[in-house]
Protein backbone atom coordinates (compact mmCIF):
# COMPACT_ATOMS: atom_id res chain seq x y z
CA UNK A 1 16.38 35.56 16.28
CA UNK A 2 14.26 36.37 12.84
CA UNK A 3 12.86 33.81 11.21
CA UNK A 4 12.25 33.58 6.85
CA UNK A 5 11.22 31.34 4.55
CA UNK A 6 12.48 31.39 0.86
CA UNK A 7 8.61 31.66 -0.50
CA UNK A 8 6.62 34.98 -0.64
CA UNK A 9 3.76 34.48 1.32
CA UNK A 10 1.03 35.38 -0.24
CA UNK A 11 -2.08 37.64 0.49
CA UNK A 12 -4.36 35.34 2.05
CA UNK A 13 -1.14 33.50 4.53
CA UNK A 14 -0.39 37.10 5.23
CA UNK A 15 -4.25 37.97 5.83
CA UNK A 16 -4.11 34.73 8.19
CA UNK A 17 -0.73 35.61 10.20
CA UNK A 18 -2.37 38.83 11.15
CA UNK A 19 -5.36 36.95 12.74
CA UNK A 20 -3.87 34.47 14.12
CA UNK A 21 -6.40 31.90 16.01
CA UNK A 22 -5.83 31.05 20.15
CA UNK A 23 -3.81 28.89 21.35
CA UNK A 24 -6.87 26.74 22.96
CA UNK A 25 -8.54 26.87 19.12
CA UNK A 26 -4.95 25.64 17.45
CA UNK A 27 -4.45 22.94 20.31
CA UNK A 28 -7.74 21.68 20.54
CA UNK A 29 -7.79 21.33 16.22
CA UNK A 30 -4.45 19.45 16.13
CA UNK A 31 -5.57 16.97 18.96
CA UNK A 32 -8.91 16.28 17.11
CA UNK A 33 -6.52 15.91 14.11
CA UNK A 34 -4.60 12.87 16.03
CA UNK A 35 -7.98 11.34 17.80
CA UNK A 36 -8.86 10.84 14.00
CA UNK A 37 -5.70 9.92 12.89
CA UNK A 38 -5.58 7.47 15.56
CA UNK A 39 -8.85 5.94 15.19
CA UNK A 40 -6.93 4.95 11.46
CA UNK A 41 -5.16 2.08 13.45
CA UNK A 42 -8.01 0.22 15.20
CA UNK A 43 -10.55 0.88 12.09
CA UNK A 44 -10.45 -2.92 11.02
CA UNK A 45 -9.42 -4.26 14.50
CA UNK A 46 -13.09 -5.65 14.67
CA UNK A 47 -13.41 -7.08 11.57
CA UNK A 48 -9.96 -8.73 11.60
CA UNK A 49 -11.50 -12.42 11.61
CA UNK A 50 -13.92 -11.77 8.38
CA UNK A 51 -11.48 -9.96 6.56
CA UNK A 52 -10.30 -12.98 4.78
CA UNK A 53 -14.42 -13.96 3.99
CA UNK A 54 -14.90 -9.87 3.39
CA UNK A 55 -12.04 -9.93 0.53
CA UNK A 56 -11.96 -13.53 -0.75
CA UNK A 57 -8.45 -14.47 0.43
CA UNK A 58 -6.76 -16.36 3.18
CA UNK A 59 -6.20 -15.04 6.53
CA UNK A 60 -2.50 -15.15 5.91
CA UNK A 61 -2.97 -12.54 3.30
CA UNK A 62 -5.34 -10.73 5.09
CA UNK A 63 -3.38 -9.72 7.79
CA UNK A 64 -1.51 -7.48 4.87
CA UNK A 65 -5.04 -5.02 5.67
CA UNK A 66 -3.06 -4.17 9.26
CA UNK A 67 0.67 -4.88 8.35
CA UNK A 68 0.16 -2.42 5.76
CA UNK A 69 -0.92 0.24 7.47
CA UNK A 70 2.16 -0.17 9.95
CA UNK A 71 5.12 -0.11 7.49
CA UNK A 72 3.49 2.58 5.95
CA UNK A 73 2.89 4.82 9.23
CA UNK A 74 6.70 4.02 9.96
CA UNK A 75 8.12 5.05 6.71
CA UNK A 76 6.18 8.35 6.40
CA UNK A 77 6.12 9.89 9.46
CA UNK A 78 9.89 10.74 9.32
CA UNK A 79 9.84 11.70 6.06
CA UNK A 80 6.64 13.85 6.29
CA UNK A 81 8.36 15.38 9.16
CA UNK A 82 11.25 16.60 7.02
CA UNK A 83 9.05 17.12 4.18
CA UNK A 84 7.29 19.71 6.79
CA UNK A 85 10.64 21.47 8.74
CA UNK A 86 11.58 22.39 4.68
CA UNK A 87 8.10 23.37 3.34
CA UNK A 88 5.81 24.16 6.07
CA UNK A 89 3.97 21.69 8.63
CA UNK A 90 0.81 22.85 7.94
CA UNK A 91 0.79 22.02 4.58
CA UNK A 92 2.07 18.81 4.95
CA UNK A 93 -0.42 17.77 7.64
CA UNK A 94 -3.35 18.77 5.09
CA UNK A 95 -1.32 16.67 2.28
CA UNK A 96 -1.57 13.69 4.66
CA UNK A 97 -4.80 14.38 5.46
CA UNK A 98 -5.96 14.64 2.04
CA UNK A 99 -3.95 11.44 1.56
CA UNK A 100 -5.96 9.62 4.58
CA UNK A 101 -9.39 10.74 3.04
CA UNK A 102 -8.36 9.21 -0.73
CA UNK A 103 -7.11 6.08 1.06
CA UNK A 104 -10.50 5.48 3.19
CA UNK A 105 -12.66 5.69 0.07
CA UNK A 106 -10.17 3.85 -1.53
CA UNK A 107 -10.83 0.90 1.36
CA UNK A 108 -14.97 2.10 1.18
CA UNK A 109 -15.06 1.08 -2.43
CA UNK A 110 -12.87 -1.85 -1.50
CA UNK A 111 -14.52 -5.74 -2.14
CA UNK A 112 -11.06 -7.80 -2.87
CA UNK A 113 -7.83 -7.85 -1.17
CA UNK A 114 -5.19 -5.47 -3.57
CA UNK A 115 -7.52 -1.90 -3.69
CA UNK A 116 -7.75 -2.34 0.56
CA UNK A 117 -4.49 -2.78 1.12
CA UNK A 118 -3.37 -0.05 -0.87
CA UNK A 119 -6.42 2.21 0.98
CA UNK A 120 -4.89 1.25 3.86
CA UNK A 121 -1.44 1.78 2.92
CA UNK A 122 -2.68 5.84 2.26
CA UNK A 123 -4.27 5.45 5.72
CA UNK A 124 -1.39 4.54 7.66
CA UNK A 125 0.70 7.78 5.34
CA UNK A 126 -1.72 10.07 7.52
CA UNK A 127 -0.30 8.99 10.86
CA UNK A 128 2.42 11.24 10.31
CA UNK A 129 -0.03 14.32 11.29
CA UNK A 130 0.36 13.63 15.24
CA UNK A 131 4.31 13.93 14.67
CA UNK A 132 3.94 17.44 12.60
CA UNK A 133 1.17 18.39 15.27
CA UNK A 134 3.61 18.09 17.83
CA UNK A 135 6.14 20.07 15.74
CA UNK A 136 3.49 22.61 14.47
CA UNK A 137 2.77 23.27 18.33
CA UNK A 138 6.40 24.51 19.05
CA UNK A 139 6.27 26.94 16.01
CA UNK A 140 2.92 28.68 17.18
CA UNK A 141 1.80 28.29 20.79
CA UNK A 142 3.24 30.42 23.69
CA UNK A 143 5.96 29.37 25.78
CA UNK A 144 3.70 28.61 28.95
CA UNK A 145 1.31 26.82 27.25
CA UNK A 146 3.55 24.53 25.41
CA UNK A 147 4.13 21.93 27.63
CA UNK A 148 0.02 21.13 28.31
CA UNK A 149 -0.92 21.19 24.27
CA UNK A 150 2.13 18.61 23.41
CA UNK A 151 1.00 16.28 26.43
CA UNK A 152 -2.38 16.42 25.16
CA UNK A 153 -1.66 16.21 21.34
CA UNK A 154 0.76 13.17 22.18
CA UNK A 155 -2.02 11.08 24.05
CA UNK A 156 -4.10 11.49 21.06
CA UNK A 157 -2.54 8.34 19.55
CA UNK A 158 -3.53 6.56 23.06
CA UNK A 159 -6.81 8.01 23.37
CA UNK A 160 -8.41 7.71 19.43
CA UNK A 161 -7.28 4.10 19.74
CA UNK A 162 -9.35 3.46 22.71
CA UNK A 163 -12.73 5.78 21.73
CA UNK A 164 -12.35 4.58 18.17
CA UNK A 165 -12.33 0.83 19.03
CA UNK A 166 -15.52 0.62 20.63
CA UNK A 167 -17.34 2.76 17.49
CA UNK A 168 -15.58 0.49 15.14
CA UNK A 169 -16.49 -2.57 16.53
CA UNK A 170 -20.34 -1.23 17.07
CA UNK A 171 -20.59 -0.22 13.49
CA UNK A 172 -19.10 -3.55 12.30
CA UNK A 173 -21.29 -5.59 14.41
CA UNK A 174 -24.53 -3.70 13.11
CA UNK A 175 -23.97 -2.24 9.78
CA UNK A 176 -21.81 -3.33 6.79
CA UNK A 177 -18.35 -3.11 7.47
CA UNK A 178 -17.92 -0.20 4.18
CA UNK A 179 -19.52 2.25 6.66
CA UNK A 180 -16.29 2.15 8.76
CA UNK A 181 -14.25 3.43 5.55
CA UNK A 182 -17.27 6.18 5.12
CA UNK A 183 -17.07 7.17 8.65
CA UNK A 184 -13.38 7.59 8.38
CA UNK A 185 -13.53 9.69 5.40
CA UNK A 186 -16.03 11.96 6.86
CA UNK A 187 -13.75 12.48 9.51
CA UNK A 188 -10.61 13.05 7.29
CA UNK A 189 -12.07 15.97 5.93
CA UNK A 190 -13.46 17.22 9.02
CA UNK A 191 -9.79 17.58 9.32
CA UNK A 192 -8.64 19.01 6.50
CA UNK A 193 -11.41 22.00 7.06
CA UNK A 194 -10.51 22.50 10.37
CA UNK A 195 -6.39 22.56 9.77
CA UNK A 196 -6.93 24.90 6.25
CA UNK A 197 -9.82 27.05 8.34
CA UNK A 198 -7.32 27.62 12.04
CA UNK A 199 -4.01 26.03 11.71
CA UNK A 200 -1.66 28.90 10.92
CA UNK A 201 0.66 29.42 8.41
CA UNK A 202 3.88 27.59 8.63
CA UNK A 203 6.60 30.41 8.75
CA UNK A 204 10.03 28.48 9.68
CA UNK A 205 11.54 26.42 7.22
CA UNK A 206 14.58 24.82 7.03
CA UNK A 207 15.45 25.11 3.27
CA UNK A 208 17.65 23.00 1.13
CA UNK A 209 16.57 19.98 -0.85
CA UNK A 210 14.70 16.77 -0.03
CA UNK A 211 16.96 14.05 0.43
CA UNK A 212 15.46 11.09 -1.53
CA UNK A 213 18.33 9.05 -1.88
CA UNK A 214 18.27 9.27 2.35
CA UNK A 215 14.41 8.80 1.72
CA UNK A 216 14.30 5.55 -0.08
CA UNK A 217 17.22 4.03 1.66
CA UNK A 218 15.65 4.53 5.10
CA UNK A 219 12.00 3.32 3.57
CA UNK A 220 14.17 -0.07 2.25
CA UNK A 221 16.18 -0.45 5.68
CA UNK A 222 13.38 -0.21 7.74
CA UNK A 223 10.32 -1.89 5.49
CA UNK A 224 12.66 -5.30 5.54
CA UNK A 225 13.38 -5.41 9.26
CA UNK A 226 9.76 -4.35 10.48
CA UNK A 227 8.39 -7.35 7.98
CA UNK A 228 10.98 -9.73 9.39
CA UNK A 229 9.92 -8.63 13.05
CA UNK A 230 5.85 -8.72 12.02
CA UNK A 231 6.02 -11.38 9.90
CA UNK A 232 9.07 -14.13 11.26
CA UNK A 233 6.58 -16.25 13.22
CA UNK A 234 4.24 -16.66 9.95
CA UNK A 235 7.13 -17.31 7.69
CA UNK A 236 9.88 -18.72 9.65
CA UNK A 237 12.16 -17.55 12.05
CA UNK A 238 14.87 -19.22 10.13
CA UNK A 239 13.69 -19.19 7.02
CA UNK A 240 15.28 -17.47 4.13
CA UNK A 241 12.87 -15.10 3.21
CA UNK A 242 13.16 -13.57 6.77
CA UNK A 243 16.66 -13.79 7.52
CA UNK A 244 17.58 -12.11 4.36
CA UNK A 245 14.91 -9.48 5.26
CA UNK A 246 16.10 -8.99 8.77
CA UNK A 247 19.54 -8.98 7.54
CA UNK A 248 19.25 -6.92 4.55
CA UNK A 249 17.30 -4.46 6.46
CA UNK A 250 20.15 -3.45 9.02
CA UNK A 251 22.80 -3.69 6.08
CA UNK A 252 21.19 -1.52 4.27
CA UNK A 253 20.27 1.20 7.43
CA UNK A 254 24.29 0.93 8.43
CA UNK A 255 25.05 1.96 4.36
CA UNK A 256 22.56 4.83 4.81
CA UNK A 257 23.87 6.08 7.80
CA UNK A 258 26.95 6.29 6.33
CA UNK A 259 25.65 7.99 3.21
CA UNK A 260 23.86 10.47 5.65
CA UNK A 261 26.14 11.28 8.10
CA UNK A 262 28.58 12.90 4.25
CA UNK A 263 25.34 14.40 2.82
CA UNK A 264 24.08 18.16 3.72
CA UNK A 265 21.08 18.53 3.29
CA UNK A 266 20.12 14.53 5.68
CA UNK A 267 16.71 13.22 5.50
CA UNK A 268 17.42 12.95 9.10
CA UNK A 269 20.61 14.76 10.83
CA UNK A 270 22.05 11.51 12.51
CA UNK A 271 24.28 13.72 14.77
CA UNK A 272 21.97 15.56 16.35
CA UNK A 273 19.74 11.77 16.96
CA UNK A 274 23.14 10.88 18.18
CA UNK A 275 23.05 13.80 21.09
CA UNK A 276 22.55 11.52 24.40
CA UNK A 277 19.33 13.06 25.53
CA UNK A 278 17.88 12.33 21.88
CA UNK A 279 19.38 8.87 21.21
CA UNK A 280 18.36 7.99 25.03
CA UNK A 281 15.19 9.68 24.92
CA UNK A 282 14.18 7.38 21.57
CA UNK A 283 15.54 4.34 23.10
CA UNK A 284 13.08 5.03 26.31
CA UNK A 285 10.61 5.00 23.80
CA UNK A 286 11.14 1.79 22.10
CA UNK A 287 10.15 0.30 25.78
CA UNK A 288 7.17 2.87 26.16
CA UNK A 289 5.46 1.42 22.71
CA UNK A 290 6.40 -2.01 23.45
CA UNK A 291 4.44 -1.97 26.90
CA UNK A 292 1.78 0.14 25.08
CA UNK A 293 0.98 -2.08 22.47
CA UNK A 294 0.84 -4.98 24.98
CA UNK A 295 -2.53 -3.87 26.43
CA UNK A 296 -4.12 -3.88 23.15
CA UNK A 297 -2.54 -7.38 21.39
CA UNK A 298 -3.00 -9.03 24.80
CA UNK A 299 -5.70 -7.71 26.94
CA UNK A 300 -9.05 -8.64 24.35
CA UNK A 301 -7.55 -11.91 23.70
CA UNK A 302 -8.06 -12.78 27.22
CA UNK A 303 -11.20 -10.53 27.56
CA UNK A 304 -12.61 -12.46 24.41
CA UNK A 305 -10.95 -16.11 24.86
CA UNK A 306 -13.73 -18.85 25.96
CA UNK A 307 -14.18 -19.73 29.75
CA UNK A 308 -14.33 -23.29 29.47
CA UNK A 309 -10.43 -23.39 30.53
CA UNK A 310 -10.98 -20.85 33.77
CA UNK A 311 -8.78 -18.92 31.77
CA UNK A 312 -10.32 -16.37 29.21
CA UNK A 313 -13.39 -14.12 29.95
CA UNK A 314 -15.82 -14.88 27.24
CA UNK A 315 -16.40 -11.15 26.45
CA UNK A 316 -17.64 -9.89 23.18
CA UNK A 317 -15.79 -7.27 20.80
CA UNK A 318 -17.86 -4.55 22.21
CA UNK A 319 -17.65 -4.93 26.20
CA UNK A 320 -13.91 -5.86 25.29
CA UNK A 321 -13.51 -2.66 23.77
CA UNK A 322 -15.05 -0.86 26.40
CA UNK A 323 -13.11 -2.23 28.73
CA UNK A 324 -10.19 -0.90 27.18
CA UNK A 325 -11.48 2.77 27.10
CA UNK A 326 -10.35 3.51 30.48
CA UNK A 327 -6.50 3.67 28.88
CA UNK A 328 -7.30 6.15 26.29
CA UNK A 329 -9.40 8.43 28.65
CA UNK A 330 -6.67 8.39 31.40
CA UNK A 331 -4.52 9.52 28.90
CA UNK A 332 -6.34 12.34 27.73
CA UNK A 333 -7.26 13.34 31.52
CA UNK A 334 -3.60 12.75 32.93
CA UNK A 335 -1.98 14.93 30.24
CA UNK A 336 -2.25 18.36 31.74
CA UNK A 337 -1.24 16.89 35.12
CA UNK A 338 1.65 15.76 33.40
CA UNK A 339 2.78 18.85 31.56
CA UNK A 340 2.47 20.51 35.10
CA UNK A 341 4.96 17.76 36.57
CA UNK A 342 7.51 18.11 33.02
CA UNK A 343 7.40 22.12 33.99
CA UNK A 344 8.26 21.69 37.47
CA UNK A 345 10.43 18.82 37.54
CA UNK A 346 11.72 18.34 34.05
CA UNK A 347 10.23 15.75 31.09
CA UNK A 348 12.93 13.32 32.15
CA UNK A 349 11.53 13.15 35.67
CA UNK A 350 7.93 12.56 33.63
CA UNK A 351 9.36 9.62 31.65
CA UNK A 352 10.78 7.82 34.37
CA UNK A 353 7.30 7.82 36.42
CA UNK A 354 5.60 7.17 33.66
CA UNK A 355 8.11 3.50 33.11
CA UNK A 356 7.78 2.68 36.68
CA UNK A 357 4.10 3.44 36.62
CA UNK A 358 4.03 0.93 33.34
CA UNK A 359 6.42 -1.76 35.89
CA UNK A 360 3.93 -1.43 38.25
CA UNK A 361 0.75 -2.09 36.07
CA UNK A 362 2.54 -5.66 34.54
CA UNK A 363 3.59 -6.90 37.70
CA UNK A 364 0.24 -6.42 38.79
CA UNK A 365 -1.56 -7.93 36.08
CA UNK A 366 0.56 -11.36 36.39
CA UNK A 367 -1.42 -12.34 39.05
CA UNK A 368 -4.55 -10.34 38.51
CA UNK A 369 -6.14 -11.15 35.46
CA UNK A 370 -8.78 -13.43 36.19
CA UNK A 371 -11.94 -10.58 36.63
CA UNK A 372 -13.35 -7.88 34.62
CA UNK A 373 -11.98 -5.75 37.07
CA UNK A 374 -8.67 -6.94 37.33
CA UNK A 375 -8.22 -5.90 33.60
CA UNK A 376 -10.02 -2.45 33.98
CA UNK A 377 -7.18 -2.22 36.40
CA UNK A 378 -4.74 -3.03 34.87
CA UNK A 379 -5.41 -0.69 31.74
CA UNK A 380 -6.00 2.12 33.77
CA UNK A 381 -3.10 2.29 35.75
CA UNK A 382 -1.21 1.85 31.94
CA UNK A 383 -2.83 4.04 31.02
CA UNK A 384 -1.44 6.74 33.96
CA UNK A 385 2.16 5.78 32.93
CA UNK A 386 1.66 6.05 29.16
CA UNK A 387 0.54 9.52 29.92
CA UNK A 388 3.33 10.66 31.83
CA UNK A 389 5.87 8.82 29.17
CA UNK A 390 3.93 10.00 26.04
CA UNK A 391 3.86 13.86 27.21
CA UNK A 392 7.16 14.14 28.22
CA UNK A 393 9.06 12.49 25.33
CA UNK A 394 8.11 14.88 22.63
CA UNK A 395 9.44 17.79 25.02
CA UNK A 396 12.76 15.74 25.96
CA UNK A 397 13.45 15.62 21.96
CA UNK A 398 12.42 19.43 21.33
CA UNK A 399 14.37 20.65 23.90
CA UNK A 400 17.53 19.88 21.79
CA UNK A 401 17.02 20.21 18.48
CA UNK A 402 16.98 22.93 16.51
CA UNK A 403 13.15 24.43 15.49
CA UNK A 404 14.32 24.28 11.80
CA UNK A 405 14.63 20.05 12.91
CA UNK A 406 11.80 19.09 15.11
CA UNK A 407 9.28 17.59 12.69
CA UNK A 408 11.59 15.33 11.43
CA UNK A 409 13.16 14.42 14.97
CA UNK A 410 9.63 13.98 16.28
CA UNK A 411 9.02 11.45 13.30
CA UNK A 412 12.02 9.51 14.13
CA UNK A 413 10.80 9.19 17.90
CA UNK A 414 7.28 8.15 16.56
CA UNK A 415 9.00 5.34 14.41
CA UNK A 416 11.27 4.24 17.89
CA UNK A 417 7.66 3.71 19.28
CA UNK A 418 6.52 1.89 16.30
CA UNK A 419 9.42 -0.67 16.53
CA UNK A 420 8.72 -1.23 20.13
CA UNK A 421 4.93 -2.16 19.05
CA UNK A 422 5.87 -3.98 16.35
CA UNK A 423 8.30 -6.21 18.86
CA UNK A 424 5.62 -6.33 21.09
CA UNK A 425 2.74 -7.32 18.97
CA UNK A 426 5.85 -10.24 17.72
CA UNK A 427 6.18 -11.27 20.89
CA UNK A 428 2.80 -11.52 22.22
CA UNK A 429 1.81 -13.55 19.46
CA UNK A 430 4.67 -15.97 19.73
CA UNK A 431 3.80 -16.66 23.55
CA UNK A 432 0.22 -17.22 23.10
CA UNK A 433 0.80 -19.50 19.81
CA UNK A 434 3.07 -21.67 21.71
CA UNK A 435 1.14 -22.06 24.97
CA UNK A 436 -2.49 -23.22 24.22
CA UNK A 437 -4.66 -25.68 25.00
CA UNK A 438 -7.43 -27.09 22.98
CA UNK A 439 -11.14 -27.49 24.55
CA UNK A 440 -14.01 -28.11 23.10
CA UNK A 441 -12.06 -28.13 19.25
CA UNK A 442 -10.31 -24.41 20.46
CA UNK A 443 -7.23 -23.41 20.83
CA UNK A 444 -7.49 -21.24 24.40
CA UNK A 445 -4.37 -19.26 25.86
CA UNK A 446 -3.39 -20.83 28.93
CA UNK A 447 -3.12 -18.54 32.37
CA UNK A 448 0.95 -19.47 31.81
CA UNK A 449 0.99 -17.99 28.65
CA UNK A 450 -0.66 -14.08 30.25
CA UNK A 451 1.71 -14.66 32.88
CA UNK A 452 4.68 -14.40 31.14
CA UNK A 453 3.46 -11.80 28.88
CA UNK A 454 3.05 -9.11 31.47
CA UNK A 455 6.09 -10.10 33.02
CA UNK A 456 8.08 -9.25 29.83
CA UNK A 457 6.31 -6.01 29.54
CA UNK A 458 6.96 -5.16 33.41
CA UNK A 459 10.42 -5.71 32.93
CA UNK A 460 10.78 -4.34 29.30
CA UNK A 461 9.21 -0.85 31.30
CA UNK A 462 11.84 -1.02 33.30
CA UNK A 463 14.81 -1.36 31.09
CA UNK A 464 13.18 2.14 29.97
CA UNK A 465 12.76 3.61 33.19
CA UNK A 466 17.14 2.56 33.99
CA UNK A 467 17.60 4.24 30.02
CA UNK A 468 15.76 7.45 31.06
CA UNK A 469 17.99 7.67 34.47
CA UNK A 470 20.70 8.39 32.22
CA UNK A 471 19.16 11.16 30.15
CA UNK A 472 20.76 14.57 30.98
CA UNK A 473 19.43 16.76 33.56
CA UNK A 474 20.32 19.65 31.58
CA UNK A 475 21.96 20.29 28.10
CA UNK A 476 22.03 22.92 25.28
CA UNK A 477 18.53 23.51 25.16
CA UNK A 478 16.54 25.84 22.01
CA UNK A 479 13.98 27.98 22.32
CA UNK A 480 10.13 27.91 21.03
CA UNK A 481 9.81 29.63 17.93
CA UNK A 482 6.23 31.58 19.45
CA UNK A 483 8.59 33.26 21.24
CA UNK A 484 10.94 34.96 18.88
CA UNK A 485 10.65 37.65 16.25
CA UNK A 486 8.94 36.72 12.84
CA UNK A 487 9.96 38.61 9.94
CA UNK A 488 7.61 37.90 7.22
CA UNK A 489 9.35 37.25 3.83
CA UNK A 490 8.64 39.99 1.01
CA UNK A 491 6.64 39.37 -1.65
């Protein structure tokens, strides 16, 4: 199956293809790029309580520093995936990294809310490099190394956050907060250089025209739904703006889907997305994203809450961050093991096992959350489960979609995880805010609040397992392009 491109390769690009880096170098570069992108998510977490003072704004408006990044990542990931399929994944990765660097510079120079939000939007857009990196692996890595490489790069979303959080906390506690963004700038520049130097030129292109109407419709619909979910507790769930955004977002996506089915070069091939393996994997991804985010939304609150009521553990932000590090480190260590299990038993088995481990972890947390070692134990077990699940999901997707649609399909899968994470953050906030006791003038969550949260996490993970059981063991599978002959276009 020859692979060709509509655009002639330059002499430099041909030279790069004739001196191809090793699989290990490519995987390491993309994993490092993923770590840097994931670090952008947790970058401002240590300074959230102080953002209103830093930016001369109120607490409600300051939350847009986080919300804007979430929305930008959710919108840009499938769009950049489609652009990567059409114009070259390596090229789009470099553009996203440059946007990330530019956003970091804007944020580093910001002292007011609006420029900070603009910078964070650009940083959020860069998170699409993880899905694109996984898709690049399918194009260039030898099939025997693909499973481990995909598992490693997929795990970077958790590893980057787990490692980046204590680093960000240390900087925020001892230096001016602007240094966080200068560090982000330096990391993004390093990533650009590494990708430009090591990652091969993309030779597989989908062709066709970019679906601007589909991209705009998808963005409007998704923003409406995510805003309603993330801001509903603040605006009121029955308020006109919340209901309008939620209903309007759903309506826009329904119309968008109708149009996409009749578009030749659609942003997302909904017929492929509706295939049973893809659809069920994406539904299971919602539960995994939901469960994963509970650890970052609930456990820090429990660790940092005052000890006066006997519920909180009274730890500093840095200590709390270190307690959650095992989650990301275990994901990293488990990635080759998860890949071997997927190769031996199929990625469906890895996804089911991961979901069962997460279910068990939160079931344990319902009763064990009163000591620091309890939290470390729970986060470690969750890391095992998420490691297996994250390694399996991209492989399940890539097995049943054409190589020319890999990046777009992985991007949509990332959106499903984001949807689960957004729902988790909202529900955790609602449960905590409705189960508070006042001690010494400070509102502290009750034990019941955390038990409800952990029971909810266990239940949602179990639903994901049930969904994963119905994923077909076998289906129509597409090969990797690394094992196919490549025909370079003529100059």
